[in-house]
Amino acid sequence: EEQLEKERQEAQEALLQKEAADSAFQKLE
């Protein structure tokens, strides 16, 4: 559970970074 929570948090942070980059890319397009 401890490891799973850590991985979920890292995945969520990575997703937020991806979404931010995707939003910036769409605006630039």
All heavy atoms as atom14 arrays in JSON, in Angstrom:
{
  "sequence": "EEQLEKERQEAQEALLQKEAADSAFQKLE",
  "atom14_mask": [
    [1, 1, 1, 1, 1, 1, 1, 1, 1, 0, 0, 0, 0, 0],
    [1, 1, 1, 1, 1, 1, 1, 1, 1, 0, 0, 0, 0, 0],
    [1, 1, 1, 1, 1, 1, 1, 1, 1, 0, 0, 0, 0, 0],
    [1, 1, 1, 1, 1, 1, 1, 1, 0, 0, 0, 0, 0, 0],
    [1, 1, 1, 1, 1, 1, 1, 1, 1, 0, 0, 0, 0, 0],
    [1, 1, 1, 1, 1, 1, 1, 1, 1, 0, 0, 0, 0, 0],
    [1, 1, 1, 1, 1, 1, 1, 1, 1, 0, 0, 0, 0, 0],
    [1, 1, 1, 1, 1, 1, 1, 1, 1, 1, 1, 0, 0, 0],
    [1, 1, 1, 1, 1, 1, 1, 1, 1, 0, 0, 0, 0, 0],
    [1, 1, 1, 1, 1, 1, 1, 1, 1, 0, 0, 0, 0, 0],
    [1, 1, 1, 1, 1, 0, 0, 0, 0, 0, 0, 0, 0, 0],
    [1, 1, 1, 1, 1, 1, 1, 1, 1, 0, 0, 0, 0, 0],
    [1, 1, 1, 1, 1, 1, 1, 1, 1, 0, 0, 0, 0, 0],
    [1, 1, 1, 1, 1, 0, 0, 0, 0, 0, 0, 0, 0, 0],
    [1, 1, 1, 1, 1, 1, 1, 1, 0, 0, 0, 0, 0, 0],
    [1, 1, 1, 1, 1, 1, 1, 1, 0, 0, 0, 0, 0, 0],
    [1, 1, 1, 1, 1, 1, 1, 1, 1, 0, 0, 0, 0, 0],
    [1, 1, 1, 1, 1, 1, 1, 1, 1, 0, 0, 0, 0, 0],
    [1, 1, 1, 1, 1, 1, 1, 1, 1, 0, 0, 0, 0, 0],
    [1, 1, 1, 1, 1, 0, 0, 0, 0, 0, 0, 0, 0, 0],
    [1, 1, 1, 1, 1, 0, 0, 0, 0, 0, 0, 0, 0, 0],
    [1, 1, 1, 1, 1, 1, 1, 1, 0, 0, 0, 0, 0, 0],
    [1, 1, 1, 1, 1, 1, 0, 0, 0, 0, 0, 0, 0, 0],
    [1, 1, 1, 1, 1, 0, 0, 0, 0, 0, 0, 0, 0, 0],
    [1, 1, 1, 1, 1, 1, 1, 1, 1, 1, 1, 0, 0, 0],
    [1, 1, 1, 1, 1, 1, 1, 1, 1, 0, 0, 0, 0, 0],
    [1, 1, 1, 1, 1, 1, 1, 1, 1, 0, 0, 0, 0, 0],
    [1, 1, 1, 1, 1, 1, 1, 1, 0, 0, 0, 0, 0, 0],
    [1, 1, 1, 1, 1, 1, 1, 1, 1, 0, 0, 0, 0, 0]
  ],
  "atom14_positions": [
    [[0.82, -1.21, 0.0], [0.0, 0.0, 0.0], [0.86, 1.26, 0.0], [0.56, 2.23, -0.69], [-0.94, 0.0, 1.22], [-2.07, -0.99, 1.11], [-2.91, -0.78, -0.14], [-3.16, 0.4, -0.5], [-3.31, -1.77, -0.75], [0.0, 0.0, 0.0], [0.0, 0.0, 0.0], [0.0, 0.0, 0.0], [0.0, 0.0, 0.0], [0.0, 0.0, 0.0]],
    [[1.94, 1.19, 0.79], [2.85, 2.34, 0.85], [3.52, 2.58, -0.51], [3.59, 3.72, -0.99], [3.91, 2.09, 1.91], [4.91, 3.23, 2.06], [6.0, 2.9, 3.06], [5.82, 1.97, 3.87], [7.04, 3.59, 3.02], [0.0, 0.0, 0.0], [0.0, 0.0, 0.0], [0.0, 0.0, 0.0], [0.0, 0.0, 0.0], [0.0, 0.0, 0.0]],
    [[3.98, 1.49, -1.11], [4.62, 1.59, -2.41], [3.64, 2.03, -3.49], [3.96, 2.84, -4.37], [5.26, 0.25, -2.79], [6.04, 0.25, -4.09], [7.31, 1.07, -4.01], [7.81, 1.35, -2.92], [7.81, 1.51, -5.16], [0.0, 0.0, 0.0], [0.0, 0.0, 0.0], [0.0, 0.0, 0.0], [0.0, 0.0, 0.0], [0.0, 0.0, 0.0]],
    [[2.41, 1.49, -3.42], [1.38, 1.82, -4.4], [1.01, 3.29, -4.33], [0.84, 3.96, -5.36], [0.13, 0.95, -4.17], [-1.02, 1.13, -5.16], [-0.56, 0.88, -6.59], [-2.18, 0.2, -4.8], [0.0, 0.0, 0.0], [0.0, 0.0, 0.0], [0.0, 0.0, 0.0], [0.0, 0.0, 0.0], [0.0, 0.0, 0.0], [0.0, 0.0, 0.0]],
    [[0.89, 3.82, -3.12], [0.56, 5.24, -2.95], [1.66, 6.13, -3.54], [1.39, 7.15, -4.17], [0.38, 5.54, -1.46], [-0.01, 6.98, -1.17], [-1.32, 7.39, -1.84], [-2.19, 6.53, -2.06], [-1.45, 8.6, -2.17], [0.0, 0.0, 0.0], [0.0, 0.0, 0.0], [0.0, 0.0, 0.0], [0.0, 0.0, 0.0], [0.0, 0.0, 0.0]],
    [[2.91, 5.72, -3.31], [4.05, 6.47, -3.83], [4.03, 6.48, -5.37], [4.23, 7.53, -6.01], [5.35, 5.86, -3.33], [6.62, 6.55, -3.85], [7.84, 5.93, -3.2], [9.12, 6.56, -3.74], [9.33, 6.29, -5.16], [0.0, 0.0, 0.0], [0.0, 0.0, 0.0], [0.0, 0.0, 0.0], [0.0, 0.0, 0.0], [0.0, 0.0, 0.0]],
    [[3.75, 5.31, -5.96], [3.72, 5.21, -7.42], [2.55, 5.99, -8.0], [2.66, 6.61, -9.06], [3.63, 3.74, -7.85], [4.84, 2.89, -7.5], [6.09, 3.32, -8.24], [5.99, 4.11, -9.22], [7.19, 2.9, -7.84], [0.0, 0.0, 0.0], [0.0, 0.0, 0.0], [0.0, 0.0, 0.0], [0.0, 0.0, 0.0], [0.0, 0.0, 0.0]],
    [[1.41, 5.95, -7.31], [0.25, 6.71, -7.79], [0.53, 8.22, -7.77], [0.13, 8.94, -8.68], [-0.96, 6.41, -6.9], [-1.62, 5.07, -7.2], [-2.68, 4.77, -6.18], [-3.4, 3.54, -6.49], [-4.21, 2.91, -5.63], [-4.4, 3.42, -4.41], [-4.81, 1.8, -5.99], [0.0, 0.0, 0.0], [0.0, 0.0, 0.0], [0.0, 0.0, 0.0]],
    [[1.2, 8.68, -6.72], [1.53, 10.1, -6.62], [2.49, 10.51, -7.74], [2.31, 11.57, -8.36], [2.18, 10.38, -5.25], [2.46, 11.87, -5.02], [2.99, 12.13, -3.63], [2.95, 11.26, -2.76], [3.5, 13.33, -3.41], [0.0, 0.0, 0.0], [0.0, 0.0, 0.0], [0.0, 0.0, 0.0], [0.0, 0.0, 0.0], [0.0, 0.0, 0.0]],
    [[3.48, 9.69, -8.01], [4.43, 9.99, -9.08], [3.75, 9.98, -10.44], [4.05, 10.8, -11.31], [5.58, 8.99, -9.05], [6.49, 9.15, -7.83], [7.59, 8.11, -7.79], [7.51, 7.15, -8.59], [8.51, 8.23, -6.95], [0.0, 0.0, 0.0], [0.0, 0.0, 0.0], [0.0, 0.0, 0.0], [0.0, 0.0, 0.0], [0.0, 0.0, 0.0]],
    [[2.8, 9.02, -10.61], [2.06, 8.96, -11.87], [1.18, 10.18, -12.05], [1.04, 10.71, -13.16], [1.21, 7.68, -11.92], [0.0, 0.0, 0.0], [0.0, 0.0, 0.0], [0.0, 0.0, 0.0], [0.0, 0.0, 0.0], [0.0, 0.0, 0.0], [0.0, 0.0, 0.0], [0.0, 0.0, 0.0], [0.0, 0.0, 0.0], [0.0, 0.0, 0.0]],
    [[0.57, 10.64, -10.94], [-0.29, 11.82, -11.0], [0.52, 13.07, -11.34], [0.08, 13.91, -12.15], [-1.01, 12.01, -9.65], [-1.99, 13.17, -9.62], [-3.14, 13.0, -10.6], [-3.52, 11.88, -10.95], [-3.71, 14.12, -11.05], [0.0, 0.0, 0.0], [0.0, 0.0, 0.0], [0.0, 0.0, 0.0], [0.0, 0.0, 0.0], [0.0, 0.0, 0.0]],
    [[1.69, 13.2, -10.76], [2.56, 14.34, -11.06], [2.98, 14.32, -12.52], [3.01, 15.36, -13.19], [3.8, 14.3, -10.15], [3.5, 14.61, -8.69], [4.74, 14.43, -7.82], [5.79, 14.02, -8.35], [4.65, 14.72, -6.61], [0.0, 0.0, 0.0], [0.0, 0.0, 0.0], [0.0, 0.0, 0.0], [0.0, 0.0, 0.0], [0.0, 0.0, 0.0]],
    [[3.31, 13.14, -13.01], [3.71, 13.0, -14.41], [2.55, 13.33, -15.35], [2.73, 13.95, -16.4], [4.21, 11.58, -14.68], [0.0, 0.0, 0.0], [0.0, 0.0, 0.0], [0.0, 0.0, 0.0], [0.0, 0.0, 0.0], [0.0, 0.0, 0.0], [0.0, 0.0, 0.0], [0.0, 0.0, 0.0], [0.0, 0.0, 0.0], [0.0, 0.0, 0.0]],
    [[1.34, 12.94, -14.94], [0.15, 13.23, -15.75], [-0.11, 14.73, -15.81], [-0.45, 15.26, -16.88], [-1.07, 12.51, -15.16], [-2.41, 12.76, -15.87], [-2.34, 12.3, -17.32], [-3.55, 12.07, -15.14], [0.0, 0.0, 0.0], [0.0, 0.0, 0.0], [0.0, 0.0, 0.0], [0.0, 0.0, 0.0], [0.0, 0.0, 0.0], [0.0, 0.0, 0.0]],
    [[0.05, 15.4, -14.68], [-0.16, 16.85, -14.66], [0.86, 17.56, -15.56], [0.51, 18.52, -16.27], [-0.04, 17.37, -13.22], [-1.18, 16.98, -12.27], [-0.87, 17.45, -10.86], [-2.5, 17.58, -12.74], [0.0, 0.0, 0.0], [0.0, 0.0, 0.0], [0.0, 0.0, 0.0], [0.0, 0.0, 0.0], [0.0, 0.0, 0.0], [0.0, 0.0, 0.0]],
    [[2.1, 17.11, -15.54], [3.13, 17.68, -16.41], [2.79, 17.45, -17.88], [2.95, 18.33, -18.72], [4.49, 17.08, -16.08], [5.06, 17.55, -14.76], [6.42, 16.94, -14.47], [6.87, 16.03, -15.17], [7.08, 17.43, -13.42], [0.0, 0.0, 0.0], [0.0, 0.0, 0.0], [0.0, 0.0, 0.0], [0.0, 0.0, 0.0], [0.0, 0.0, 0.0]],
    [[2.31, 16.24, -18.17], [1.92, 15.91, -19.55], [0.76, 16.78, -20.0], [0.76, 17.31, -21.12], [1.53, 14.44, -19.64], [0.87, 14.04, -20.96], [0.35, 12.63, -20.9], [-0.51, 12.29, -22.11], [-1.72, 13.11, -22.21], [0.0, 0.0, 0.0], [0.0, 0.0, 0.0], [0.0, 0.0, 0.0], [0.0, 0.0, 0.0], [0.0, 0.0, 0.0]],
    [[-0.25, 16.95, -19.14], [-1.42, 17.76, -19.5], [-1.04, 19.22, -19.69], [-1.58, 19.9, -20.59], [-2.49, 17.61, -18.42], [-3.14, 16.22, -18.41], [-4.13, 16.06, -17.28], [-4.1, 16.89, -16.33], [-4.94, 15.11, -17.32], [0.0, 0.0, 0.0], [0.0, 0.0, 0.0], [0.0, 0.0, 0.0], [0.0, 0.0, 0.0], [0.0, 0.0, 0.0]],
    [[-0.13, 19.72, -18.85], [0.31, 21.12, -18.99], [1.05, 21.32, -20.31], [0.83, 22.31, -21.02], [1.22, 21.49, -17.82], [0.0, 0.0, 0.0], [0.0, 0.0, 0.0], [0.0, 0.0, 0.0], [0.0, 0.0, 0.0], [0.0, 0.0, 0.0], [0.0, 0.0, 0.0], [0.0, 0.0, 0.0], [0.0, 0.0, 0.0], [0.0, 0.0, 0.0]],
    [[1.92, 20.37, -20.65], [2.66, 20.45, -21.91], [1.72, 20.32, -23.1], [1.86, 21.02, -24.1], [3.73, 19.36, -21.96], [0.0, 0.0, 0.0], [0.0, 0.0, 0.0], [0.0, 0.0, 0.0], [0.0, 0.0, 0.0], [0.0, 0.0, 0.0], [0.0, 0.0, 0.0], [0.0, 0.0, 0.0], [0.0, 0.0, 0.0], [0.0, 0.0, 0.0]],
    [[0.72, 19.45, -22.96], [-0.24, 19.26, -24.05], [-1.08, 20.51, -24.25], [-1.36, 20.91, -25.39], [-1.14, 18.06, -23.72], [-2.07, 17.72, -24.87], [-1.56, 17.5, -25.99], [-3.29, 17.69, -24.67], [0.0, 0.0, 0.0], [0.0, 0.0, 0.0], [0.0, 0.0, 0.0], [0.0, 0.0, 0.0], [0.0, 0.0, 0.0], [0.0, 0.0, 0.0]],
    [[-1.48, 21.15, -23.16], [-2.28, 22.38, -23.25], [-1.48, 23.49, -23.93], [-1.99, 24.19, -24.81], [-2.7, 22.82, -21.85], [-3.38, 24.06, -21.9], [0.0, 0.0, 0.0], [0.0, 0.0, 0.0], [0.0, 0.0, 0.0], [0.0, 0.0, 0.0], [0.0, 0.0, 0.0], [0.0, 0.0, 0.0], [0.0, 0.0, 0.0], [0.0, 0.0, 0.0]],
    [[-0.22, 23.62, -23.53], [0.64, 24.65, -24.13], [0.86, 24.37, -25.62], [0.87, 25.29, -26.44], [1.98, 24.68, -23.41], [0.0, 0.0, 0.0], [0.0, 0.0, 0.0], [0.0, 0.0, 0.0], [0.0, 0.0, 0.0], [0.0, 0.0, 0.0], [0.0, 0.0, 0.0], [0.0, 0.0, 0.0], [0.0, 0.0, 0.0], [0.0, 0.0, 0.0]],
    [[1.0, 23.1, -25.94], [1.21, 22.71, -27.34], [-0.01, 23.03, -28.18], [0.11, 23.54, -29.3], [1.53, 21.21, -27.42], [1.9, 20.75, -28.8], [3.16, 20.99, -29.32], [0.97, 20.08, -29.59], [3.5, 20.56, -30.59], [1.31, 19.65, -30.86], [2.57, 19.89, -31.36], [0.0, 0.0, 0.0], [0.0, 0.0, 0.0], [0.0, 0.0, 0.0]],
    [[-1.21, 22.75, -27.66], [-2.45, 23.03, -28.39], [-2.65, 24.53, -28.62], [-3.09, 24.95, -29.69], [-3.65, 22.44, -27.64], [-3.64, 20.93, -27.53], [-3.58, 20.24, -28.88], [-4.16, 20.7, -29.87], [-2.84, 19.13, -28.93], [0.0, 0.0, 0.0], [0.0, 0.0, 0.0], [0.0, 0.0, 0.0], [0.0, 0.0, 0.0], [0.0, 0.0, 0.0]],
    [[-2.31, 25.33, -27.61], [-2.43, 26.79, -27.74], [-1.45, 27.3, -28.8], [-1.79, 28.2, -29.58], [-2.17, 27.47, -26.4], [-3.27, 27.25, -25.37], [-2.92, 27.9, -24.05], [-4.02, 27.64, -23.01], [-3.66, 28.21, -21.69], [0.0, 0.0, 0.0], [0.0, 0.0, 0.0], [0.0, 0.0, 0.0], [0.0, 0.0, 0.0], [0.0, 0.0, 0.0]],
    [[-0.26, 26.75, -28.79], [0.74, 27.15, -29.78], [0.3, 26.76, -31.18], [0.47, 27.52, -32.14], [2.08, 26.51, -29.44], [3.28, 26.96, -30.29], [3.5, 28.46, -30.18], [4.53, 26.21, -29.86], [0.0, 0.0, 0.0], [0.0, 0.0, 0.0], [0.0, 0.0, 0.0], [0.0, 0.0, 0.0], [0.0, 0.0, 0.0], [0.0, 0.0, 0.0]],
    [[-0.29, 25.59, -31.31], [-0.8, 25.14, -32.6], [-1.88, 26.08, -33.12], [-1.93, 26.38, -34.31], [-1.37, 23.71, -32.47], [-0.34, 22.62, -32.38], [0.19, 22.21, -33.75], [0.62, 23.1, -34.51], [0.17, 21.0, -34.04], [0.0, 0.0, 0.0], [0.0, 0.0, 0.0], [0.0, 0.0, 0.0], [0.0, 0.0, 0.0], [0.0, 0.0, 0.0]]
  ]
}
